[in-house]
Amino acid sequence: MRVGLVADTHGLVDAKLGAVFRGCDLLLHAGDVTRSEVLAALARLAPVRAVRGNNDGGPFGESLPEVLRIEIGGLRALVVHEARPDHPSPRLRRLVDAGAVDLVVHGHSHRPGASVIGRVVYLNPGSAGPRRFSLPRTACVLAVEGRRVCAQWWDLCPDPAVPFRSPFAAEL
């Protein structure tokens, strides 16, 4: 199963996301969508599910859940906007502990990355929205085969998008 991961679009739908997410079975947006048009555009690429970020206000933001539990292949995933894997908030710790979670997809920091803490993989696709500071603009594609995950980040700044770094892989 191939899953496109995106976060912190802040109202922007980069045209390169179509090529990056080609062949994805599902798209997960980890918050700070800010406009319903973003989800509508992503839904033309693949089915999309999204959570609310700290910038998702008003009726649109209130229509998004704060937390999404979803099965990806045989893995139990949790999608939230804000997560600090190295220093999880009590709320995140409760969600992970209570839900027998294998994978946490999160955004907020605009920093693409992956880590394994305990038996949980944490993935941040980075920000696909307008550039902030010197941070890259990225999106991620996650491949799940059984209990194996492989994530590849894509740099959205060059044309066309190019792999951002070596893929991350883990066996859960």
N, C-alpha and C. Protein backbone atom coordinates (compact mmCIF):
# COMPACT_ATOMS: atom_id res chain seq x y z
N MET A 1 0.85 -1.18 0.00
CA MET A 1 0.00 0.00 0.00
C MET A 1 0.89 1.23 0.00
N ARG A 2 0.53 2.21 -0.83
CA ARG A 2 1.27 3.49 -0.88
C ARG A 2 0.38 4.60 -0.34
N VAL A 3 0.94 5.36 0.61
CA VAL A 3 0.20 6.43 1.26
C VAL A 3 0.99 7.72 1.15
N GLY A 4 0.36 8.76 0.62
CA GLY A 4 0.98 10.08 0.57
C GLY A 4 0.77 10.78 1.89
N LEU A 5 1.84 11.35 2.42
CA LEU A 5 1.78 12.09 3.68
C LEU A 5 2.11 13.56 3.41
N VAL A 6 1.27 14.44 3.93
CA VAL A 6 1.46 15.86 3.71
C VAL A 6 1.00 16.59 4.97
N ALA A 7 1.59 17.74 5.22
CA ALA A 7 1.20 18.55 6.38
C ALA A 7 1.52 20.01 6.12
N ASP A 8 0.95 20.85 6.92
CA ASP A 8 1.29 22.27 6.93
C ASP A 8 1.28 22.89 5.54
N THR A 9 0.20 22.64 4.80
CA THR A 9 0.06 23.24 3.47
C THR A 9 -0.32 24.72 3.56
N HIS A 10 -0.94 25.12 4.64
CA HIS A 10 -1.30 26.52 4.86
C HIS A 10 -1.94 27.15 3.64
N GLY A 11 -2.90 26.42 3.04
CA GLY A 11 -3.67 26.95 1.93
C GLY A 11 -3.06 26.74 0.56
N LEU A 12 -1.87 26.19 0.46
CA LEU A 12 -1.18 26.02 -0.81
C LEU A 12 -1.25 24.56 -1.27
N VAL A 13 -1.59 24.35 -2.53
CA VAL A 13 -1.51 23.02 -3.14
C VAL A 13 -0.44 23.09 -4.21
N ASP A 14 0.72 22.56 -3.92
CA ASP A 14 1.82 22.59 -4.87
C ASP A 14 1.49 21.67 -6.04
N ALA A 15 1.68 22.14 -7.25
CA ALA A 15 1.37 21.36 -8.45
C ALA A 15 2.21 20.09 -8.53
N LYS A 16 3.37 20.06 -7.89
CA LYS A 16 4.23 18.87 -7.93
C LYS A 16 3.67 17.71 -7.12
N LEU A 17 2.71 17.98 -6.24
CA LEU A 17 2.14 16.90 -5.43
C LEU A 17 1.46 15.84 -6.30
N GLY A 18 0.93 16.24 -7.44
CA GLY A 18 0.31 15.26 -8.34
C GLY A 18 1.30 14.18 -8.77
N ALA A 19 2.50 14.59 -9.15
CA ALA A 19 3.52 13.62 -9.56
C ALA A 19 4.05 12.83 -8.36
N VAL A 20 4.26 13.51 -7.24
CA VAL A 20 4.78 12.83 -6.05
C VAL A 20 3.80 11.76 -5.56
N PHE A 21 2.50 12.08 -5.57
CA PHE A 21 1.50 11.16 -5.01
C PHE A 21 0.88 10.23 -6.06
N ARG A 22 1.40 10.24 -7.30
CA ARG A 22 0.86 9.36 -8.33
C ARG A 22 0.97 7.90 -7.85
N GLY A 23 -0.14 7.18 -7.94
CA GLY A 23 -0.16 5.77 -7.54
C GLY A 23 -0.44 5.54 -6.08
N CYS A 24 -0.66 6.60 -5.31
CA CYS A 24 -0.97 6.43 -3.88
C CYS A 24 -2.42 5.94 -3.72
N ASP A 25 -2.61 5.07 -2.75
CA ASP A 25 -3.94 4.54 -2.44
C ASP A 25 -4.71 5.47 -1.51
N LEU A 26 -3.99 6.31 -0.77
CA LEU A 26 -4.58 7.15 0.27
C LEU A 26 -3.65 8.32 0.51
N LEU A 27 -4.22 9.47 0.89
CA LEU A 27 -3.43 10.63 1.31
C LEU A 27 -3.83 10.98 2.73
N LEU A 28 -2.85 11.24 3.59
CA LEU A 28 -3.10 11.69 4.96
C LEU A 28 -2.51 13.08 5.12
N HIS A 29 -3.34 14.02 5.60
CA HIS A 29 -2.90 15.40 5.84
C HIS A 29 -2.86 15.61 7.35
N ALA A 30 -1.66 15.93 7.87
CA ALA A 30 -1.45 16.06 9.31
C ALA A 30 -1.64 17.49 9.81
N GLY A 31 -2.61 18.19 9.25
CA GLY A 31 -3.04 19.46 9.82
C GLY A 31 -2.39 20.72 9.27
N ASP A 32 -3.01 21.84 9.63
CA ASP A 32 -2.73 23.17 9.09
C ASP A 32 -3.01 23.18 7.58
N VAL A 33 -4.22 22.74 7.27
CA VAL A 33 -4.75 22.73 5.90
C VAL A 33 -5.12 24.17 5.55
N THR A 34 -5.90 24.79 6.36
CA THR A 34 -6.43 26.17 6.37
C THR A 34 -7.54 26.47 5.36
N ARG A 35 -7.67 25.68 4.29
CA ARG A 35 -8.74 25.94 3.31
C ARG A 35 -9.29 24.62 2.79
N SER A 36 -10.60 24.54 2.66
CA SER A 36 -11.22 23.31 2.16
C SER A 36 -10.78 22.99 0.74
N GLU A 37 -10.41 24.01 -0.04
CA GLU A 37 -9.96 23.80 -1.41
C GLU A 37 -8.72 22.92 -1.48
N VAL A 38 -7.90 22.96 -0.45
CA VAL A 38 -6.70 22.11 -0.41
C VAL A 38 -7.10 20.65 -0.39
N LEU A 39 -8.05 20.30 0.47
CA LEU A 39 -8.49 18.90 0.55
C LEU A 39 -9.22 18.48 -0.73
N ALA A 40 -9.97 19.40 -1.32
CA ALA A 40 -10.66 19.07 -2.58
C ALA A 40 -9.64 18.77 -3.68
N ALA A 41 -8.58 19.55 -3.76
CA ALA A 41 -7.55 19.31 -4.78
C ALA A 41 -6.83 17.99 -4.52
N LEU A 42 -6.50 17.72 -3.27
CA LEU A 42 -5.83 16.46 -2.94
C LEU A 42 -6.73 15.26 -3.21
N ALA A 43 -8.03 15.42 -2.99
CA ALA A 43 -8.98 14.33 -3.21
C ALA A 43 -9.07 13.94 -4.69
N ARG A 44 -8.64 14.82 -5.58
CA ARG A 44 -8.60 14.46 -7.00
C ARG A 44 -7.43 13.51 -7.30
N LEU A 45 -6.46 13.43 -6.38
CA LEU A 45 -5.31 12.55 -6.55
C LEU A 45 -5.55 11.16 -5.95
N ALA A 46 -6.21 11.13 -4.79
CA ALA A 46 -6.48 9.88 -4.07
C ALA A 46 -7.42 10.23 -2.92
N PRO A 47 -8.08 9.23 -2.33
CA PRO A 47 -8.89 9.52 -1.15
C PRO A 47 -8.02 10.19 -0.08
N VAL A 48 -8.59 11.18 0.59
CA VAL A 48 -7.80 11.96 1.56
C VAL A 48 -8.51 11.99 2.91
N ARG A 49 -7.71 11.91 3.96
CA ARG A 49 -8.18 12.08 5.33
C ARG A 49 -7.28 13.13 5.98
N ALA A 50 -7.84 13.96 6.82
CA ALA A 50 -7.07 15.06 7.41
C ALA A 50 -7.46 15.28 8.86
N VAL A 51 -6.52 15.85 9.61
CA VAL A 51 -6.79 16.27 10.99
C VAL A 51 -6.61 17.79 11.08
N ARG A 52 -7.14 18.33 12.15
CA ARG A 52 -7.09 19.77 12.41
C ARG A 52 -5.72 20.16 12.97
N GLY A 53 -5.19 21.26 12.46
CA GLY A 53 -3.97 21.84 13.00
C GLY A 53 -4.28 23.11 13.77
N ASN A 54 -3.28 23.69 14.38
CA ASN A 54 -3.48 24.89 15.19
C ASN A 54 -3.91 26.10 14.36
N ASN A 55 -3.74 26.05 13.03
CA ASN A 55 -4.17 27.15 12.16
C ASN A 55 -5.48 26.86 11.44
N ASP A 56 -6.11 25.73 11.76
CA ASP A 56 -7.38 25.36 11.13
C ASP A 56 -8.54 25.81 12.01
N GLY A 57 -8.96 27.06 11.81
CA GLY A 57 -10.02 27.62 12.62
C GLY A 57 -11.34 27.69 11.89
N GLY A 58 -12.31 28.24 12.57
CA GLY A 58 -13.63 28.46 11.98
C GLY A 58 -14.35 27.16 11.69
N PRO A 59 -15.46 27.26 10.96
CA PRO A 59 -16.26 26.07 10.66
C PRO A 59 -15.46 24.98 9.92
N PHE A 60 -14.58 25.40 8.99
CA PHE A 60 -13.79 24.40 8.27
C PHE A 60 -12.91 23.62 9.25
N GLY A 61 -12.15 24.31 10.07
CA GLY A 61 -11.26 23.66 11.03
C GLY A 61 -12.03 22.78 12.00
N GLU A 62 -13.18 23.28 12.45
CA GLU A 62 -13.98 22.51 13.40
C GLU A 62 -14.54 21.24 12.76
N SER A 63 -14.61 21.20 11.44
CA SER A 63 -15.11 20.00 10.76
C SER A 63 -14.06 18.88 10.72
N LEU A 64 -12.81 19.22 11.00
CA LEU A 64 -11.74 18.22 10.99
C LEU A 64 -11.52 17.65 12.38
N PRO A 65 -11.28 16.34 12.49
CA PRO A 65 -11.00 15.77 13.81
C PRO A 65 -9.61 16.19 14.29
N GLU A 66 -9.42 16.21 15.59
CA GLU A 66 -8.10 16.50 16.15
C GLU A 66 -7.19 15.30 16.01
N VAL A 67 -7.77 14.11 16.05
CA VAL A 67 -7.03 12.86 16.02
C VAL A 67 -7.72 11.92 15.04
N LEU A 68 -6.92 11.20 14.28
CA LEU A 68 -7.46 10.20 13.36
C LEU A 68 -6.74 8.89 13.63
N ARG A 69 -7.53 7.86 13.89
CA ARG A 69 -6.98 6.50 13.99
C ARG A 69 -7.37 5.80 12.70
N ILE A 70 -6.38 5.17 12.06
CA ILE A 70 -6.64 4.54 10.77
C ILE A 70 -5.72 3.33 10.61
N GLU A 71 -6.22 2.31 9.96
CA GLU A 71 -5.39 1.15 9.68
C GLU A 71 -4.79 1.32 8.29
N ILE A 72 -3.49 1.12 8.19
CA ILE A 72 -2.77 1.22 6.93
C ILE A 72 -2.13 -0.14 6.71
N GLY A 73 -2.69 -0.89 5.78
CA GLY A 73 -2.24 -2.27 5.64
C GLY A 73 -2.58 -2.97 6.94
N GLY A 74 -1.61 -3.57 7.58
CA GLY A 74 -1.84 -4.20 8.87
C GLY A 74 -1.37 -3.36 10.04
N LEU A 75 -1.04 -2.10 9.79
CA LEU A 75 -0.51 -1.24 10.85
C LEU A 75 -1.58 -0.32 11.40
N ARG A 76 -1.50 -0.08 12.70
CA ARG A 76 -2.42 0.85 13.36
C ARG A 76 -1.74 2.20 13.43
N ALA A 77 -2.35 3.19 12.77
CA ALA A 77 -1.75 4.52 12.67
C ALA A 77 -2.59 5.55 13.41
N LEU A 78 -1.89 6.55 13.89
CA LEU A 78 -2.50 7.69 14.55
C LEU A 78 -2.01 8.92 13.80
N VAL A 79 -2.93 9.79 13.39
CA VAL A 79 -2.56 11.03 12.71
C VAL A 79 -2.97 12.17 13.64
N VAL A 80 -2.01 13.03 13.96
CA VAL A 80 -2.23 14.21 14.80
C VAL A 80 -1.43 15.35 14.19
N HIS A 81 -1.74 16.56 14.60
CA HIS A 81 -0.96 17.66 14.05
C HIS A 81 0.36 17.81 14.79
N GLU A 82 0.27 17.99 16.08
CA GLU A 82 1.48 18.32 16.85
C GLU A 82 1.92 17.12 17.67
N ALA A 83 3.16 16.73 17.47
CA ALA A 83 3.74 15.64 18.24
C ALA A 83 5.24 15.89 18.37
N ARG A 84 5.76 15.68 19.55
CA ARG A 84 7.21 15.73 19.75
C ARG A 84 7.63 14.36 20.21
N PRO A 85 8.09 13.53 19.29
CA PRO A 85 8.42 12.15 19.65
C PRO A 85 9.44 12.04 20.78
N ASP A 86 10.42 12.95 20.80
CA ASP A 86 11.45 12.88 21.84
C ASP A 86 10.95 13.33 23.20
N HIS A 87 9.92 14.16 23.23
CA HIS A 87 9.31 14.64 24.48
C HIS A 87 7.80 14.66 24.30
N PRO A 88 7.15 13.49 24.23
CA PRO A 88 5.71 13.48 23.95
C PRO A 88 4.91 14.14 25.08
N SER A 89 3.90 14.85 24.67
CA SER A 89 3.01 15.46 25.64
C SER A 89 2.26 14.34 26.36
N PRO A 90 1.73 14.62 27.54
CA PRO A 90 0.92 13.60 28.23
C PRO A 90 -0.24 13.12 27.35
N ARG A 91 -0.83 14.02 26.58
CA ARG A 91 -1.94 13.65 25.70
C ARG A 91 -1.49 12.65 24.64
N LEU A 92 -0.36 12.93 23.98
CA LEU A 92 0.14 12.02 22.95
C LEU A 92 0.52 10.68 23.58
N ARG A 93 1.15 10.72 24.73
CA ARG A 93 1.53 9.48 25.41
C ARG A 93 0.30 8.63 25.70
N ARG A 94 -0.78 9.27 26.16
CA ARG A 94 -2.04 8.54 26.43
C ARG A 94 -2.61 7.94 25.15
N LEU A 95 -2.61 8.72 24.07
CA LEU A 95 -3.15 8.23 22.80
C LEU A 95 -2.35 7.03 22.29
N VAL A 96 -1.03 7.13 22.35
CA VAL A 96 -0.19 6.04 21.88
C VAL A 96 -0.37 4.82 22.76
N ASP A 97 -0.34 5.02 24.08
CA ASP A 97 -0.48 3.89 25.01
C ASP A 97 -1.86 3.25 24.93
N ALA A 98 -2.88 4.07 24.78
CA ALA A 98 -4.25 3.54 24.77
C ALA A 98 -4.62 2.86 23.47
N GLY A 99 -3.96 3.24 22.39
CA GLY A 99 -4.41 2.77 21.09
C GLY A 99 -3.60 1.68 20.45
N ALA A 100 -2.61 1.12 21.15
CA ALA A 100 -1.76 0.11 20.54
C ALA A 100 -1.36 0.57 19.15
N VAL A 101 -0.63 1.67 19.08
CA VAL A 101 -0.27 2.34 17.83
C VAL A 101 1.09 1.86 17.34
N ASP A 102 1.18 1.62 16.03
CA ASP A 102 2.44 1.26 15.39
C ASP A 102 3.12 2.47 14.76
N LEU A 103 2.31 3.44 14.30
CA LEU A 103 2.80 4.54 13.49
C LEU A 103 2.08 5.82 13.88
N VAL A 104 2.85 6.91 14.06
CA VAL A 104 2.27 8.23 14.30
C VAL A 104 2.72 9.14 13.16
N VAL A 105 1.75 9.73 12.47
CA VAL A 105 2.01 10.71 11.42
C VAL A 105 1.67 12.08 12.01
N HIS A 106 2.60 13.01 11.91
CA HIS A 106 2.38 14.33 12.52
C HIS A 106 3.03 15.42 11.69
N GLY A 107 2.69 16.64 12.00
CA GLY A 107 3.25 17.80 11.31
C GLY A 107 3.70 18.83 12.32
N HIS A 108 3.30 20.08 12.11
CA HIS A 108 3.47 21.23 12.98
C HIS A 108 4.87 21.86 12.93
N SER A 109 5.91 21.09 13.04
CA SER A 109 7.26 21.67 13.14
C SER A 109 7.82 22.09 11.78
N HIS A 110 7.21 21.64 10.70
CA HIS A 110 7.68 21.89 9.33
C HIS A 110 9.01 21.19 9.04
N ARG A 111 9.45 20.32 9.92
CA ARG A 111 10.73 19.62 9.76
C ARG A 111 10.48 18.17 9.37
N PRO A 112 10.86 17.79 8.14
CA PRO A 112 10.67 16.40 7.75
C PRO A 112 11.56 15.48 8.57
N GLY A 113 11.02 14.33 8.94
CA GLY A 113 11.86 13.42 9.70
C GLY A 113 11.14 12.16 10.11
N ALA A 114 11.94 11.23 10.63
CA ALA A 114 11.43 9.96 11.11
C ALA A 114 12.21 9.54 12.34
N SER A 115 11.53 8.86 13.23
CA SER A 115 12.21 8.29 14.38
C SER A 115 11.43 7.08 14.86
N VAL A 116 12.12 6.23 15.57
CA VAL A 116 11.49 5.07 16.19
C VAL A 116 11.72 5.21 17.69
N ILE A 117 10.63 5.24 18.43
CA ILE A 117 10.72 5.34 19.88
C ILE A 117 9.91 4.18 20.45
N GLY A 118 10.60 3.33 21.18
CA GLY A 118 9.96 2.10 21.62
C GLY A 118 9.68 1.26 20.40
N ARG A 119 8.45 0.92 20.20
CA ARG A 119 8.07 0.15 19.01
C ARG A 119 7.20 0.98 18.07
N VAL A 120 7.22 2.31 18.22
CA VAL A 120 6.38 3.20 17.42
C VAL A 120 7.24 4.02 16.46
N VAL A 121 6.85 4.04 15.19
CA VAL A 121 7.51 4.88 14.19
C VAL A 121 6.76 6.21 14.12
N TYR A 122 7.52 7.31 14.19
CA TYR A 122 6.97 8.66 14.06
C TYR A 122 7.46 9.24 12.74
N LEU A 123 6.53 9.70 11.91
CA LEU A 123 6.88 10.30 10.62
C LEU A 123 6.30 11.70 10.51
N ASN A 124 7.14 12.64 10.12
CA ASN A 124 6.71 14.01 9.84
C ASN A 124 7.03 14.28 8.38
N PRO A 125 6.00 14.50 7.54
CA PRO A 125 6.27 14.75 6.13
C PRO A 125 6.93 16.10 5.87
N GLY A 126 7.01 16.95 6.87
CA GLY A 126 7.50 18.31 6.67
C GLY A 126 6.37 19.19 6.20
N SER A 127 6.69 20.34 5.66
CA SER A 127 5.69 21.29 5.21
C SER A 127 5.67 21.37 3.69
N ALA A 128 4.45 21.22 3.12
CA ALA A 128 4.28 21.40 1.67
C ALA A 128 3.73 22.78 1.36
N GLY A 129 3.64 23.63 2.37
CA GLY A 129 3.09 24.97 2.19
C GLY A 129 4.17 25.98 1.85
N PRO A 130 3.83 27.26 1.98
CA PRO A 130 4.82 28.31 1.69
C PRO A 130 6.07 28.13 2.55
N ARG A 131 7.21 28.43 1.99
CA ARG A 131 8.48 28.27 2.71
C ARG A 131 8.49 29.14 3.96
N ARG A 132 8.99 28.55 5.04
CA ARG A 132 9.17 29.28 6.30
C ARG A 132 10.63 29.18 6.70
N PHE A 133 11.20 30.30 6.99
CA PHE A 133 12.60 30.37 7.42
C PHE A 133 13.47 29.65 6.38
N SER A 134 14.40 28.81 6.81
CA SER A 134 15.25 28.10 5.86
C SER A 134 14.86 26.63 5.76
N LEU A 135 13.64 26.30 6.20
CA LEU A 135 13.19 24.92 6.17
C LEU A 135 12.79 24.51 4.75
N PRO A 136 13.01 23.24 4.40
CA PRO A 136 12.63 22.79 3.06
C PRO A 136 11.11 22.68 2.93
N ARG A 137 10.65 22.57 1.70
CA ARG A 137 9.23 22.29 1.42
C ARG A 137 9.18 20.85 0.95
N THR A 138 8.51 19.99 1.70
CA THR A 138 8.54 18.56 1.40
C THR A 138 7.18 17.89 1.57
N ALA A 139 7.09 16.71 0.98
CA ALA A 139 5.98 15.78 1.18
C ALA A 139 6.62 14.41 1.23
N CYS A 140 5.85 13.41 1.64
CA CYS A 140 6.41 12.08 1.87
C CYS A 140 5.49 11.01 1.27
N VAL A 141 6.09 9.94 0.78
CA VAL A 141 5.33 8.78 0.35
C VAL A 141 5.75 7.60 1.20
N LEU A 142 4.77 6.96 1.79
CA LEU A 142 4.99 5.82 2.68
C LEU A 142 4.54 4.55 1.97
N ALA A 143 5.43 3.58 1.91
CA ALA A 143 5.08 2.26 1.37
C ALA A 143 4.99 1.29 2.53
N VAL A 144 3.89 0.57 2.61
CA VAL A 144 3.68 -0.41 3.68
C VAL A 144 3.49 -1.78 3.05
N GLU A 145 4.32 -2.72 3.46
CA GLU A 145 4.21 -4.11 3.03
C GLU A 145 4.28 -4.97 4.27
N GLY A 146 3.14 -5.52 4.67
CA GLY A 146 3.10 -6.29 5.91
C GLY A 146 3.43 -5.40 7.09
N ARG A 147 4.49 -5.73 7.81
CA ARG A 147 4.92 -4.93 8.97
C ARG A 147 6.13 -4.05 8.63
N ARG A 148 6.47 -3.97 7.35
CA ARG A 148 7.60 -3.15 6.91
C ARG A 148 7.11 -1.83 6.34
N VAL A 149 7.75 -0.74 6.78
CA VAL A 149 7.43 0.59 6.25
C VAL A 149 8.69 1.19 5.63
N CYS A 150 8.48 1.90 4.55
CA CYS A 150 9.57 2.63 3.90
C CYS A 150 9.02 4.00 3.52
N ALA A 151 9.67 5.05 3.98
CA ALA A 151 9.22 6.42 3.72
C ALA A 151 10.26 7.13 2.87
N GLN A 152 9.78 7.88 1.87
CA GLN A 152 10.65 8.69 1.02
C GLN A 152 10.10 10.11 0.98
N TRP A 153 10.94 11.08 1.36
CA TRP A 153 10.55 12.49 1.31
C TRP A 153 10.92 13.07 -0.04
N TRP A 154 10.09 14.01 -0.50
CA TRP A 154 10.31 14.66 -1.79
C TRP A 154 10.45 16.16 -1.58
N ASP A 155 11.50 16.73 -2.15
CA ASP A 155 11.75 18.16 -2.12
C ASP A 155 10.88 18.81 -3.19
N LEU A 156 10.01 19.71 -2.79
CA LEU A 156 9.07 20.33 -3.73
C LEU A 156 9.63 21.58 -4.39
N CYS A 157 10.82 22.02 -3.99
CA CYS A 157 11.35 23.27 -4.56
C CYS A 157 11.93 23.13 -5.95
N PRO A 158 12.71 22.09 -6.26
CA PRO A 158 13.16 22.00 -7.65
C PRO A 158 12.02 21.58 -8.56
N ASP A 159 12.24 21.72 -9.86
CA ASP A 159 11.22 21.31 -10.82
C ASP A 159 11.85 20.32 -11.78
N PRO A 160 11.48 19.05 -11.76
CA PRO A 160 10.43 18.44 -10.95
C PRO A 160 10.91 18.14 -9.53
N ALA A 161 9.98 17.68 -8.70
CA ALA A 161 10.34 17.31 -7.33
C ALA A 161 11.36 16.17 -7.36
N VAL A 162 12.29 16.20 -6.41
CA VAL A 162 13.33 15.17 -6.34
C VAL A 162 13.37 14.59 -4.93
N PRO A 163 13.89 13.35 -4.81
CA PRO A 163 14.01 12.78 -3.46
C PRO A 163 14.82 13.71 -2.56
N PHE A 164 14.35 13.88 -1.34
CA PHE A 164 14.95 14.84 -0.41
C PHE A 164 16.13 14.22 0.33
N ARG A 165 16.03 12.96 0.69
CA ARG A 165 17.09 12.27 1.43
C ARG A 165 16.89 10.79 1.23
N SER A 166 17.80 10.01 1.76
CA SER A 166 17.67 8.57 1.66
C SER A 166 16.39 8.10 2.33
N PRO A 167 15.77 7.06 1.78
CA PRO A 167 14.54 6.56 2.39
C PRO A 167 14.78 6.04 3.80
N PHE A 168 13.73 6.11 4.60
CA PHE A 168 13.73 5.56 5.96
C PHE A 168 12.96 4.25 5.90
N ALA A 169 13.48 3.20 6.49
CA ALA A 169 12.77 1.93 6.51
C ALA A 169 12.82 1.34 7.91
N ALA A 170 11.74 0.65 8.27
CA ALA A 170 11.68 -0.01 9.57
C ALA A 170 10.79 -1.23 9.47
N GLU A 171 11.10 -2.23 10.26
CA GLU A 171 10.28 -3.43 10.39
C GLU A 171 9.61 -3.36 11.75
N LEU A 172 8.28 -3.42 11.77
CA LEU A 172 7.55 -3.29 13.04
C LEU A 172 7.12 -4.63 13.58
